[in-house]
């Protein structure tokens, strides 16, 4: 059991109705569900460049953040809130879409590269470290790197959306363990088929 607990959960996505149902917004989808489960309400916070909700949990407050900066400037919002509330990078969980994982699968990890994900790239640059947690929700790969941008900015098929929604439901079950710092328990559950 680590002494670090998650104090900030960030869901990555792009603001605006035209992006609402696109694959790149799975982080937003999960945070909306989590806020609903935890009976939290997002408020626009200009100084944090996003929508923010504060939730009182057993182990202390947890912040939920949806950056409204567009994906490639997500770090601006994350760094602003983390610095203001003195939240360390290893107390941050970033939820994002992952091309290198099949739809419906979930991977949880600390640190690592960004796999070309512009949201992660900007967060790493703004925090000055790779050392934050990621909850990677699989969206599959279109098969050709030249198709990636169009792919992530489009809606998944109904079948893929169902798989992604299943992975969001499963993630929500694992989040209490993540927030409590029960990494191994959470990882075993999230990675199980």
N, C-alpha and C. Protein backbone atom coordinates (compact mmCIF):
# COMPACT_ATOMS: atom_id res chain seq x y z
N UNK A 1 0.86 -1.20 0.00
CA UNK A 1 0.00 0.00 0.00
C UNK A 1 0.89 1.24 0.00
N UNK A 2 0.64 2.10 -0.93
CA UNK A 2 1.45 3.31 -1.05
C UNK A 2 0.87 4.41 -0.19
N UNK A 3 1.73 5.31 0.26
CA UNK A 3 1.18 6.44 1.04
C UNK A 3 0.54 7.47 0.12
N UNK A 4 0.84 7.37 -1.17
CA UNK A 4 0.20 8.27 -2.12
C UNK A 4 -1.20 7.81 -2.44
N UNK A 5 -2.11 8.74 -2.44
CA UNK A 5 -3.47 8.46 -2.87
C UNK A 5 -3.79 9.42 -4.00
N UNK A 6 -4.78 9.06 -4.79
CA UNK A 6 -5.17 9.94 -5.90
C UNK A 6 -5.99 11.10 -5.35
N UNK A 7 -5.55 12.32 -5.65
CA UNK A 7 -6.27 13.52 -5.21
C UNK A 7 -6.89 14.28 -6.37
N UNK A 8 -6.44 13.94 -7.59
CA UNK A 8 -6.95 14.63 -8.78
C UNK A 8 -7.16 13.60 -9.88
N UNK A 9 -8.39 13.54 -10.40
CA UNK A 9 -8.68 12.67 -11.54
C UNK A 9 -9.01 13.57 -12.72
N UNK A 10 -8.23 13.42 -13.78
CA UNK A 10 -8.37 14.25 -14.97
C UNK A 10 -8.92 13.38 -16.10
N UNK A 11 -9.98 13.83 -16.73
CA UNK A 11 -10.48 13.13 -17.91
C UNK A 11 -10.14 13.96 -19.13
N UNK A 12 -9.48 13.35 -20.12
CA UNK A 12 -9.09 14.11 -21.30
C UNK A 12 -10.15 14.05 -22.38
N UNK A 13 -10.28 15.16 -23.10
CA UNK A 13 -11.23 15.26 -24.20
C UNK A 13 -11.13 16.63 -24.82
N UNK A 14 -12.00 16.88 -25.79
CA UNK A 14 -12.08 18.18 -26.42
C UNK A 14 -13.43 18.80 -26.12
N UNK A 15 -13.46 20.11 -25.80
CA UNK A 15 -14.75 20.76 -25.54
C UNK A 15 -15.53 20.96 -26.83
N UNK A 16 -16.82 21.14 -26.71
CA UNK A 16 -17.65 21.45 -27.88
C UNK A 16 -18.46 20.26 -28.35
N UNK A 17 -19.66 20.56 -28.81
CA UNK A 17 -20.59 19.50 -29.21
C UNK A 17 -20.08 18.63 -30.34
N UNK A 18 -19.30 19.23 -31.25
CA UNK A 18 -18.86 18.42 -32.40
C UNK A 18 -17.90 17.31 -31.98
N UNK A 19 -17.30 17.42 -30.78
CA UNK A 19 -16.36 16.39 -30.31
C UNK A 19 -16.97 15.47 -29.26
N UNK A 20 -18.15 15.82 -28.79
CA UNK A 20 -18.74 15.16 -27.63
C UNK A 20 -18.73 13.63 -27.70
N UNK A 21 -19.06 13.08 -28.87
CA UNK A 21 -19.20 11.62 -28.99
C UNK A 21 -18.02 10.97 -29.70
N UNK A 22 -16.88 11.68 -29.81
CA UNK A 22 -15.72 11.13 -30.51
C UNK A 22 -14.85 10.30 -29.58
N UNK A 23 -14.09 9.40 -30.19
CA UNK A 23 -13.23 8.49 -29.40
C UNK A 23 -12.27 9.23 -28.48
N UNK A 24 -11.79 10.39 -28.93
CA UNK A 24 -10.80 11.14 -28.16
C UNK A 24 -11.39 11.64 -26.83
N UNK A 25 -12.71 11.55 -26.68
CA UNK A 25 -13.37 12.11 -25.49
C UNK A 25 -13.73 11.07 -24.44
N UNK A 26 -13.16 9.87 -24.53
CA UNK A 26 -13.54 8.85 -23.54
C UNK A 26 -13.19 9.28 -22.11
N UNK A 27 -12.17 10.10 -21.96
CA UNK A 27 -11.83 10.59 -20.61
C UNK A 27 -12.97 11.44 -20.04
N UNK A 28 -13.57 12.27 -20.88
CA UNK A 28 -14.73 13.07 -20.47
C UNK A 28 -15.90 12.16 -20.12
N UNK A 29 -16.13 11.12 -20.96
CA UNK A 29 -17.26 10.22 -20.73
C UNK A 29 -17.15 9.59 -19.35
N UNK A 30 -15.93 9.12 -19.03
CA UNK A 30 -15.74 8.46 -17.73
C UNK A 30 -15.95 9.46 -16.59
N UNK A 31 -15.41 10.66 -16.72
CA UNK A 31 -15.55 11.64 -15.63
C UNK A 31 -17.01 12.06 -15.43
N UNK A 32 -17.75 12.16 -16.51
CA UNK A 32 -19.17 12.50 -16.37
C UNK A 32 -19.91 11.41 -15.58
N UNK A 33 -19.60 10.15 -15.89
CA UNK A 33 -20.22 9.04 -15.16
C UNK A 33 -19.80 9.03 -13.70
N UNK A 34 -18.50 9.28 -13.47
CA UNK A 34 -17.98 9.28 -12.10
C UNK A 34 -18.63 10.39 -11.28
N UNK A 35 -18.75 11.57 -11.88
CA UNK A 35 -19.37 12.70 -11.19
C UNK A 35 -20.83 12.35 -10.84
N UNK A 36 -21.50 11.69 -11.77
CA UNK A 36 -22.89 11.29 -11.53
C UNK A 36 -22.96 10.31 -10.36
N UNK A 37 -22.06 9.31 -10.38
CA UNK A 37 -22.02 8.31 -9.30
C UNK A 37 -21.72 8.95 -7.95
N UNK A 38 -20.81 9.89 -7.95
CA UNK A 38 -20.37 10.52 -6.70
C UNK A 38 -21.23 11.75 -6.35
N UNK A 39 -22.27 11.99 -7.14
CA UNK A 39 -23.18 13.13 -6.95
C UNK A 39 -22.42 14.46 -6.89
N UNK A 40 -21.49 14.59 -7.81
CA UNK A 40 -20.69 15.83 -7.90
C UNK A 40 -21.16 16.62 -9.11
N UNK A 41 -21.00 17.92 -9.03
CA UNK A 41 -21.41 18.79 -10.14
C UNK A 41 -20.22 19.57 -10.64
N UNK A 42 -20.01 19.51 -11.95
CA UNK A 42 -18.91 20.28 -12.54
C UNK A 42 -19.27 21.76 -12.63
N UNK A 43 -18.28 22.60 -12.33
CA UNK A 43 -18.45 24.05 -12.50
C UNK A 43 -17.32 24.54 -13.39
N UNK A 44 -17.61 25.54 -14.21
CA UNK A 44 -16.56 26.15 -15.03
C UNK A 44 -15.64 26.95 -14.12
N UNK A 45 -14.35 26.66 -14.18
CA UNK A 45 -13.34 27.35 -13.37
C UNK A 45 -12.31 27.96 -14.31
N UNK A 46 -12.43 29.24 -14.58
CA UNK A 46 -11.53 29.89 -15.54
C UNK A 46 -10.06 29.77 -15.12
N UNK A 47 -9.79 29.90 -13.81
CA UNK A 47 -8.37 29.87 -13.40
C UNK A 47 -7.75 28.48 -13.56
N UNK A 48 -8.61 27.46 -13.70
CA UNK A 48 -8.09 26.10 -13.93
C UNK A 48 -8.36 25.64 -15.37
N UNK A 49 -8.81 26.54 -16.22
CA UNK A 49 -8.99 26.26 -17.65
C UNK A 49 -9.85 25.01 -17.90
N UNK A 50 -10.86 24.82 -17.05
CA UNK A 50 -11.67 23.63 -17.26
C UNK A 50 -12.88 23.57 -16.37
N UNK A 51 -13.54 22.42 -16.40
CA UNK A 51 -14.67 22.15 -15.53
C UNK A 51 -14.17 21.32 -14.36
N UNK A 52 -14.53 21.76 -13.16
CA UNK A 52 -13.97 21.18 -11.95
C UNK A 52 -15.09 20.78 -10.99
N UNK A 53 -14.91 19.64 -10.34
CA UNK A 53 -15.81 19.22 -9.26
C UNK A 53 -14.95 18.77 -8.10
N UNK A 54 -15.43 19.04 -6.89
CA UNK A 54 -14.70 18.63 -5.68
C UNK A 54 -15.58 17.62 -4.95
N UNK A 55 -14.99 16.49 -4.61
CA UNK A 55 -15.74 15.42 -3.96
C UNK A 55 -15.08 15.07 -2.64
N UNK A 56 -15.87 15.06 -1.57
CA UNK A 56 -15.34 14.64 -0.27
C UNK A 56 -15.47 13.12 -0.17
N UNK A 57 -14.32 12.46 -0.05
CA UNK A 57 -14.28 11.00 0.09
C UNK A 57 -13.72 10.69 1.46
N UNK A 58 -13.80 9.41 1.84
CA UNK A 58 -13.31 8.99 3.15
C UNK A 58 -11.88 9.45 3.42
N UNK A 59 -11.00 9.27 2.44
CA UNK A 59 -9.60 9.62 2.64
C UNK A 59 -9.25 11.07 2.37
N UNK A 60 -10.25 11.91 2.16
CA UNK A 60 -9.98 13.33 1.85
C UNK A 60 -10.64 13.73 0.54
N UNK A 61 -10.42 14.98 0.16
CA UNK A 61 -11.05 15.50 -1.05
C UNK A 61 -10.38 14.94 -2.31
N UNK A 62 -11.21 14.70 -3.31
CA UNK A 62 -10.71 14.32 -4.63
C UNK A 62 -11.28 15.34 -5.62
N UNK A 63 -10.40 15.86 -6.47
CA UNK A 63 -10.82 16.82 -7.50
C UNK A 63 -11.03 16.09 -8.81
N UNK A 64 -12.07 16.47 -9.52
CA UNK A 64 -12.31 15.96 -10.87
C UNK A 64 -12.13 17.13 -11.82
N UNK A 65 -11.40 16.90 -12.91
CA UNK A 65 -11.09 17.98 -13.83
C UNK A 65 -11.27 17.53 -15.28
N UNK A 66 -12.03 18.32 -16.02
CA UNK A 66 -12.13 18.15 -17.48
C UNK A 66 -11.55 19.41 -18.11
N UNK A 67 -10.31 19.34 -18.63
CA UNK A 67 -9.71 20.53 -19.25
C UNK A 67 -10.55 20.99 -20.44
N UNK A 68 -10.76 22.30 -20.54
CA UNK A 68 -11.52 22.87 -21.66
C UNK A 68 -10.60 23.61 -22.63
N UNK A 69 -9.36 23.17 -22.68
CA UNK A 69 -8.32 23.86 -23.45
C UNK A 69 -8.11 23.26 -24.83
N UNK A 70 -8.80 22.20 -25.15
CA UNK A 70 -8.52 21.32 -26.28
C UNK A 70 -7.35 20.43 -25.89
N UNK A 71 -7.37 19.24 -26.47
CA UNK A 71 -6.48 18.14 -26.05
C UNK A 71 -5.02 18.55 -25.93
N UNK A 72 -4.49 19.22 -26.96
CA UNK A 72 -3.04 19.45 -26.99
C UNK A 72 -2.58 20.52 -25.99
N UNK A 73 -3.53 21.10 -25.21
CA UNK A 73 -3.12 22.04 -24.15
C UNK A 73 -3.66 21.59 -22.79
N UNK A 74 -3.96 20.30 -22.66
CA UNK A 74 -4.53 19.75 -21.42
C UNK A 74 -3.66 20.05 -20.20
N UNK A 75 -2.35 20.06 -20.39
CA UNK A 75 -1.44 20.27 -19.27
C UNK A 75 -1.60 21.61 -18.59
N UNK A 76 -2.08 22.59 -19.34
CA UNK A 76 -2.30 23.93 -18.77
C UNK A 76 -3.30 23.84 -17.61
N UNK A 77 -4.37 23.09 -17.82
CA UNK A 77 -5.41 22.95 -16.79
C UNK A 77 -4.90 22.09 -15.63
N UNK A 78 -4.26 20.97 -15.98
CA UNK A 78 -3.77 20.04 -14.94
C UNK A 78 -2.76 20.74 -14.04
N UNK A 79 -1.78 21.43 -14.64
CA UNK A 79 -0.74 22.11 -13.86
C UNK A 79 -1.33 23.22 -13.00
N UNK A 80 -2.29 23.97 -13.54
CA UNK A 80 -2.88 25.08 -12.79
C UNK A 80 -3.57 24.57 -11.51
N UNK A 81 -4.38 23.52 -11.65
CA UNK A 81 -5.10 23.00 -10.48
C UNK A 81 -4.14 22.31 -9.51
N UNK A 82 -3.22 21.51 -10.04
CA UNK A 82 -2.27 20.78 -9.19
C UNK A 82 -1.40 21.74 -8.38
N UNK A 83 -0.92 22.80 -9.03
CA UNK A 83 -0.08 23.76 -8.31
C UNK A 83 -0.89 24.50 -7.25
N UNK A 84 -2.09 24.90 -7.58
CA UNK A 84 -2.92 25.67 -6.66
C UNK A 84 -3.23 24.86 -5.39
N UNK A 85 -3.55 23.59 -5.56
CA UNK A 85 -3.91 22.76 -4.40
C UNK A 85 -2.76 21.89 -3.90
N UNK A 86 -1.55 22.16 -4.41
CA UNK A 86 -0.34 21.44 -3.99
C UNK A 86 -0.52 19.92 -4.09
N UNK A 87 -0.99 19.50 -5.27
CA UNK A 87 -1.17 18.08 -5.56
C UNK A 87 0.06 17.61 -6.34
N UNK A 88 0.70 16.56 -5.85
CA UNK A 88 1.92 16.05 -6.49
C UNK A 88 1.55 15.23 -7.74
N UNK A 89 2.47 15.17 -8.72
CA UNK A 89 2.18 14.39 -9.93
C UNK A 89 1.74 12.96 -9.63
N UNK A 90 2.36 12.33 -8.62
CA UNK A 90 2.01 10.94 -8.31
C UNK A 90 0.68 10.81 -7.53
N UNK A 91 -0.01 11.92 -7.38
CA UNK A 91 -1.36 11.91 -6.80
C UNK A 91 -2.42 12.23 -7.87
N UNK A 92 -1.96 12.19 -9.14
CA UNK A 92 -2.84 12.53 -10.27
C UNK A 92 -3.10 11.28 -11.11
N UNK A 93 -4.38 11.08 -11.45
CA UNK A 93 -4.77 10.01 -12.36
C UNK A 93 -5.35 10.67 -13.61
N UNK A 94 -4.76 10.35 -14.77
CA UNK A 94 -5.25 10.90 -16.04
C UNK A 94 -5.95 9.77 -16.80
N UNK A 95 -7.20 10.01 -17.17
CA UNK A 95 -8.00 9.03 -17.91
C UNK A 95 -8.02 9.46 -19.37
N UNK A 96 -7.60 8.55 -20.25
CA UNK A 96 -7.53 8.94 -21.67
C UNK A 96 -7.76 7.76 -22.60
N UNK A 97 -8.03 8.09 -23.86
CA UNK A 97 -8.18 7.10 -24.91
C UNK A 97 -6.81 6.54 -25.28
N UNK A 98 -6.77 5.26 -25.66
CA UNK A 98 -5.50 4.62 -25.99
C UNK A 98 -5.65 3.81 -27.27
N UNK A 99 -4.93 4.23 -28.32
CA UNK A 99 -4.99 3.57 -29.63
C UNK A 99 -4.40 2.17 -29.61
N UNK A 100 -3.40 1.95 -28.75
CA UNK A 100 -2.66 0.68 -28.78
C UNK A 100 -3.32 -0.41 -27.96
N UNK A 101 -4.54 -0.18 -27.51
CA UNK A 101 -5.27 -1.19 -26.73
C UNK A 101 -6.61 -1.41 -27.42
N UNK A 102 -7.04 -2.66 -27.47
CA UNK A 102 -8.31 -3.00 -28.11
C UNK A 102 -9.48 -2.35 -27.39
N UNK A 103 -10.53 -2.06 -28.12
CA UNK A 103 -11.76 -1.52 -27.52
C UNK A 103 -12.22 -2.44 -26.39
N UNK A 104 -12.59 -1.82 -25.29
CA UNK A 104 -13.10 -2.59 -24.16
C UNK A 104 -12.03 -2.99 -23.16
N UNK A 105 -10.75 -2.89 -23.56
CA UNK A 105 -9.68 -3.25 -22.62
C UNK A 105 -9.21 -1.99 -21.87
N UNK A 106 -8.63 -2.22 -20.70
CA UNK A 106 -8.17 -1.11 -19.84
C UNK A 106 -6.76 -1.42 -19.38
N UNK A 107 -5.92 -0.41 -19.34
CA UNK A 107 -4.59 -0.56 -18.74
C UNK A 107 -4.38 0.58 -17.76
N UNK A 108 -3.80 0.23 -16.63
CA UNK A 108 -3.50 1.21 -15.59
C UNK A 108 -2.01 1.19 -15.36
N UNK A 109 -1.38 2.36 -15.33
CA UNK A 109 0.07 2.37 -15.07
C UNK A 109 0.51 3.72 -14.54
N UNK A 110 1.71 3.70 -13.98
CA UNK A 110 2.36 4.92 -13.52
C UNK A 110 3.47 5.24 -14.51
N UNK A 111 3.51 6.51 -14.95
CA UNK A 111 4.61 6.95 -15.80
C UNK A 111 4.59 6.34 -17.19
N UNK A 112 5.74 6.41 -17.86
CA UNK A 112 5.86 5.86 -19.21
C UNK A 112 5.76 6.95 -20.26
N UNK A 113 5.86 6.53 -21.49
CA UNK A 113 5.84 7.48 -22.61
C UNK A 113 4.43 8.01 -22.84
N UNK A 114 4.26 8.73 -23.95
CA UNK A 114 2.94 9.27 -24.24
C UNK A 114 2.32 8.66 -25.49
N UNK A 115 3.05 7.78 -26.16
CA UNK A 115 2.52 7.10 -27.34
C UNK A 115 1.99 8.06 -28.40
N UNK A 116 2.53 9.27 -28.43
CA UNK A 116 2.08 10.25 -29.40
C UNK A 116 0.77 10.94 -29.02
N UNK A 117 0.27 10.66 -27.81
CA UNK A 117 -0.99 11.27 -27.37
C UNK A 117 -0.72 12.72 -26.96
N UNK A 118 -1.32 13.67 -27.70
CA UNK A 118 -1.00 15.09 -27.48
C UNK A 118 -1.42 15.59 -26.10
N UNK A 119 -2.49 15.04 -25.55
CA UNK A 119 -2.90 15.44 -24.20
C UNK A 119 -1.85 15.04 -23.17
N UNK A 120 -1.38 13.80 -23.27
CA UNK A 120 -0.34 13.32 -22.33
C UNK A 120 0.96 14.09 -22.52
N UNK A 121 1.30 14.34 -23.78
CA UNK A 121 2.54 15.08 -24.09
C UNK A 121 2.55 16.43 -23.37
N UNK A 122 1.42 17.13 -23.44
CA UNK A 122 1.35 18.46 -22.84
C UNK A 122 1.35 18.38 -21.31
N UNK A 123 0.70 17.37 -20.76
CA UNK A 123 0.70 17.21 -19.29
C UNK A 123 2.12 16.91 -18.81
N UNK A 124 2.81 16.03 -19.52
CA UNK A 124 4.20 15.72 -19.15
C UNK A 124 5.07 16.98 -19.20
N UNK A 125 4.88 17.78 -20.24
CA UNK A 125 5.68 19.01 -20.38
C UNK A 125 5.36 19.99 -19.26
N UNK A 126 4.09 20.17 -18.94
CA UNK A 126 3.69 21.17 -17.93
C UNK A 126 4.03 20.74 -16.51
N UNK A 127 3.94 19.43 -16.25
CA UNK A 127 4.26 18.94 -14.89
C UNK A 127 5.76 18.71 -14.75
N UNK A 128 6.46 18.60 -15.88
CA UNK A 128 7.90 18.37 -15.86
C UNK A 128 8.27 16.97 -15.41
N UNK A 129 7.33 16.01 -15.56
CA UNK A 129 7.60 14.63 -15.16
C UNK A 129 6.66 13.69 -15.90
N UNK A 130 7.08 12.42 -15.98
CA UNK A 130 6.21 11.38 -16.55
C UNK A 130 5.47 10.66 -15.42
N UNK A 131 5.81 11.06 -14.19
CA UNK A 131 5.44 10.30 -13.00
C UNK A 131 4.03 10.57 -12.48
N UNK A 132 3.01 10.36 -13.33
CA UNK A 132 1.63 10.44 -12.87
C UNK A 132 0.93 9.17 -13.37
N UNK A 133 -0.19 8.85 -12.76
CA UNK A 133 -0.91 7.63 -13.12
C UNK A 133 -1.78 7.84 -14.34
N UNK A 134 -1.94 6.76 -15.13
CA UNK A 134 -2.81 6.82 -16.30
C UNK A 134 -3.79 5.66 -16.26
N UNK A 135 -5.01 5.95 -16.62
CA UNK A 135 -6.01 4.93 -16.85
C UNK A 135 -6.28 5.00 -18.35
N UNK A 136 -5.81 3.99 -19.06
CA UNK A 136 -5.84 4.00 -20.53
C UNK A 136 -7.00 3.14 -21.01
N UNK A 137 -7.95 3.78 -21.67
CA UNK A 137 -9.13 3.07 -22.16
C UNK A 137 -8.95 2.80 -23.66
N UNK A 138 -8.97 1.52 -24.01
CA UNK A 138 -8.70 1.12 -25.39
C UNK A 138 -9.76 1.61 -26.36
N UNK A 139 -9.29 2.17 -27.49
CA UNK A 139 -10.22 2.58 -28.56
C UNK A 139 -9.83 1.91 -29.88
N UNK A 140 -8.79 1.04 -29.85
CA UNK A 140 -8.32 0.36 -31.06
C UNK A 140 -7.57 1.33 -31.97
N UNK A 141 -6.88 0.77 -32.94
CA UNK A 141 -6.08 1.57 -33.88
C UNK A 141 -6.68 1.41 -35.27
N UNK A 142 -6.72 2.50 -36.06
CA UNK A 142 -7.30 2.37 -37.40
C UNK A 142 -6.43 1.56 -38.36
N UNK A 143 -5.20 1.21 -37.93
CA UNK A 143 -4.34 0.37 -38.78
C UNK A 143 -3.29 1.14 -39.56
N UNK A 144 -3.47 2.44 -39.70
CA UNK A 144 -2.52 3.26 -40.45
C UNK A 144 -2.34 4.57 -39.69
N UNK A 145 -1.08 4.92 -39.40
CA UNK A 145 -0.87 6.13 -38.58
C UNK A 145 -1.39 7.40 -39.24
N UNK A 146 -1.49 7.40 -40.58
CA UNK A 146 -2.02 8.58 -41.28
C UNK A 146 -3.53 8.76 -41.06
N UNK A 147 -4.18 7.72 -40.56
CA UNK A 147 -5.63 7.79 -40.35
C UNK A 147 -5.98 8.14 -38.90
N UNK A 148 -4.97 8.24 -38.03
CA UNK A 148 -5.23 8.38 -36.60
C UNK A 148 -6.05 9.62 -36.25
N UNK A 149 -5.68 10.78 -36.79
CA UNK A 149 -6.37 12.02 -36.41
C UNK A 149 -7.86 11.93 -36.73
N UNK A 150 -8.18 11.53 -37.95
CA UNK A 150 -9.58 11.39 -38.33
C UNK A 150 -10.30 10.35 -37.47
N UNK A 151 -9.55 9.29 -37.13
CA UNK A 151 -10.14 8.20 -36.35
C UNK A 151 -10.51 8.65 -34.94
N UNK A 152 -9.57 9.30 -34.24
CA UNK A 152 -9.86 9.69 -32.85
C UNK A 152 -10.90 10.80 -32.78
N UNK A 153 -11.03 11.58 -33.86
CA UNK A 153 -11.99 12.69 -33.86
C UNK A 153 -13.33 12.30 -34.48
N UNK A 154 -13.55 10.99 -34.62
CA UNK A 154 -14.84 10.51 -35.10
C UNK A 154 -15.50 9.61 -34.07
N UNK A 155 -16.80 9.39 -34.28
CA UNK A 155 -17.56 8.54 -33.35
C UNK A 155 -17.17 7.09 -33.58
N UNK A 156 -17.10 6.31 -32.49
CA UNK A 156 -16.90 4.86 -32.67
C UNK A 156 -18.18 4.23 -33.24
N UNK A 157 -18.04 3.06 -33.83
CA UNK A 157 -19.22 2.31 -34.28
C UNK A 157 -20.05 1.95 -33.05
N UNK A 158 -21.28 1.55 -33.25
CA UNK A 158 -22.15 1.19 -32.12
C UNK A 158 -21.53 0.05 -31.32
N UNK A 159 -20.95 -0.93 -32.03
CA UNK A 159 -20.34 -2.08 -31.34
C UNK A 159 -19.14 -1.64 -30.51
N UNK A 160 -18.29 -0.78 -31.10
CA UNK A 160 -17.12 -0.28 -30.36
C UNK A 160 -17.55 0.58 -29.18
N UNK A 161 -18.58 1.39 -29.38
CA UNK A 161 -19.05 2.26 -28.29
C UNK A 161 -19.53 1.41 -27.11
N UNK A 162 -20.17 0.30 -27.43
CA UNK A 162 -20.63 -0.59 -26.36
C UNK A 162 -19.45 -1.15 -25.57
N UNK A 163 -18.39 -1.55 -26.28
CA UNK A 163 -17.18 -2.07 -25.62
C UNK A 163 -16.52 -0.98 -24.77
N UNK A 164 -16.46 0.23 -25.32
CA UNK A 164 -15.86 1.34 -24.57
C UNK A 164 -16.70 1.65 -23.33
N UNK A 165 -18.02 1.66 -23.48
CA UNK A 165 -18.90 1.89 -22.33
C UNK A 165 -18.71 0.81 -21.27
N UNK A 166 -18.51 -0.43 -21.70
CA UNK A 166 -18.24 -1.52 -20.74
C UNK A 166 -16.95 -1.24 -19.97
N UNK A 167 -15.92 -0.76 -20.70
CA UNK A 167 -14.63 -0.48 -20.04
C UNK A 167 -14.77 0.69 -19.07
N UNK A 168 -15.65 1.65 -19.39
CA UNK A 168 -15.89 2.77 -18.48
C UNK A 168 -16.59 2.27 -17.22
N UNK A 169 -17.60 1.41 -17.40
CA UNK A 169 -18.29 0.85 -16.22
C UNK A 169 -17.32 0.10 -15.33
N UNK A 170 -16.47 -0.70 -15.95
CA UNK A 170 -15.49 -1.49 -15.18
C UNK A 170 -14.50 -0.55 -14.47
N UNK A 171 -14.05 0.47 -15.18
CA UNK A 171 -13.12 1.44 -14.58
C UNK A 171 -13.72 2.10 -13.35
N UNK A 172 -15.01 2.44 -13.45
CA UNK A 172 -15.68 3.10 -12.32
C UNK A 172 -15.70 2.19 -11.10
N UNK A 173 -15.77 0.88 -11.31
CA UNK A 173 -15.73 -0.05 -10.18
C UNK A 173 -14.33 -0.09 -9.55
N UNK A 174 -13.30 0.14 -10.38
CA UNK A 174 -11.93 0.09 -9.88
C UNK A 174 -11.45 1.39 -9.25
N UNK A 175 -12.14 2.49 -9.54
CA UNK A 175 -11.66 3.80 -9.10
C UNK A 175 -11.58 3.95 -7.57
N UNK A 176 -12.54 3.43 -6.78
CA UNK A 176 -12.36 3.56 -5.32
C UNK A 176 -11.04 2.96 -4.82
N UNK A 177 -10.62 1.82 -5.39
CA UNK A 177 -9.32 1.24 -5.01
C UNK A 177 -8.17 2.15 -5.43
N UNK A 178 -8.29 2.75 -6.61
CA UNK A 178 -7.23 3.65 -7.08
C UNK A 178 -7.13 4.86 -6.15
N UNK A 179 -8.28 5.42 -5.81
CA UNK A 179 -8.29 6.61 -4.94
C UNK A 179 -7.69 6.28 -3.58
N UNK A 180 -7.90 5.04 -3.14
CA UNK A 180 -7.38 4.62 -1.83
C UNK A 180 -5.90 4.23 -1.89
N UNK A 181 -5.31 4.24 -3.09
CA UNK A 181 -3.90 3.85 -3.22
C UNK A 181 -3.69 2.35 -3.22
N UNK A 182 -4.77 1.59 -3.43
CA UNK A 182 -4.67 0.11 -3.50
C UNK A 182 -4.35 -0.28 -4.94
N UNK A 183 -3.10 0.04 -5.36
CA UNK A 183 -2.74 -0.09 -6.77
C UNK A 183 -2.88 -1.51 -7.29
N UNK A 184 -2.34 -2.48 -6.53
CA UNK A 184 -2.31 -3.86 -7.05
C UNK A 184 -3.71 -4.44 -7.18
N UNK A 185 -4.54 -4.20 -6.17
CA UNK A 185 -5.92 -4.68 -6.23
C UNK A 185 -6.63 -4.09 -7.44
N UNK A 186 -6.48 -2.78 -7.62
CA UNK A 186 -7.12 -2.09 -8.74
C UNK A 186 -6.61 -2.63 -10.07
N UNK A 187 -5.29 -2.78 -10.17
CA UNK A 187 -4.69 -3.20 -11.43
C UNK A 187 -5.14 -4.61 -11.80
N UNK A 188 -5.14 -5.52 -10.80
CA UNK A 188 -5.58 -6.89 -11.05
C UNK A 188 -7.01 -6.89 -11.60
N UNK A 189 -7.86 -6.11 -10.97
CA UNK A 189 -9.27 -6.04 -11.40
C UNK A 189 -9.40 -5.41 -12.80
N UNK A 190 -8.74 -4.27 -13.00
CA UNK A 190 -8.89 -3.54 -14.27
C UNK A 190 -8.31 -4.30 -15.45
N UNK A 191 -7.22 -5.05 -15.21
CA UNK A 191 -6.57 -5.77 -16.30
C UNK A 191 -7.22 -7.12 -16.57
N UNK A 192 -8.09 -7.59 -15.68
CA UNK A 192 -8.71 -8.90 -15.86
C UNK A 192 -9.68 -8.85 -17.04
N UNK A 193 -9.84 -9.99 -17.70
CA UNK A 193 -10.76 -10.06 -18.86
C UNK A 193 -12.18 -10.18 -18.36
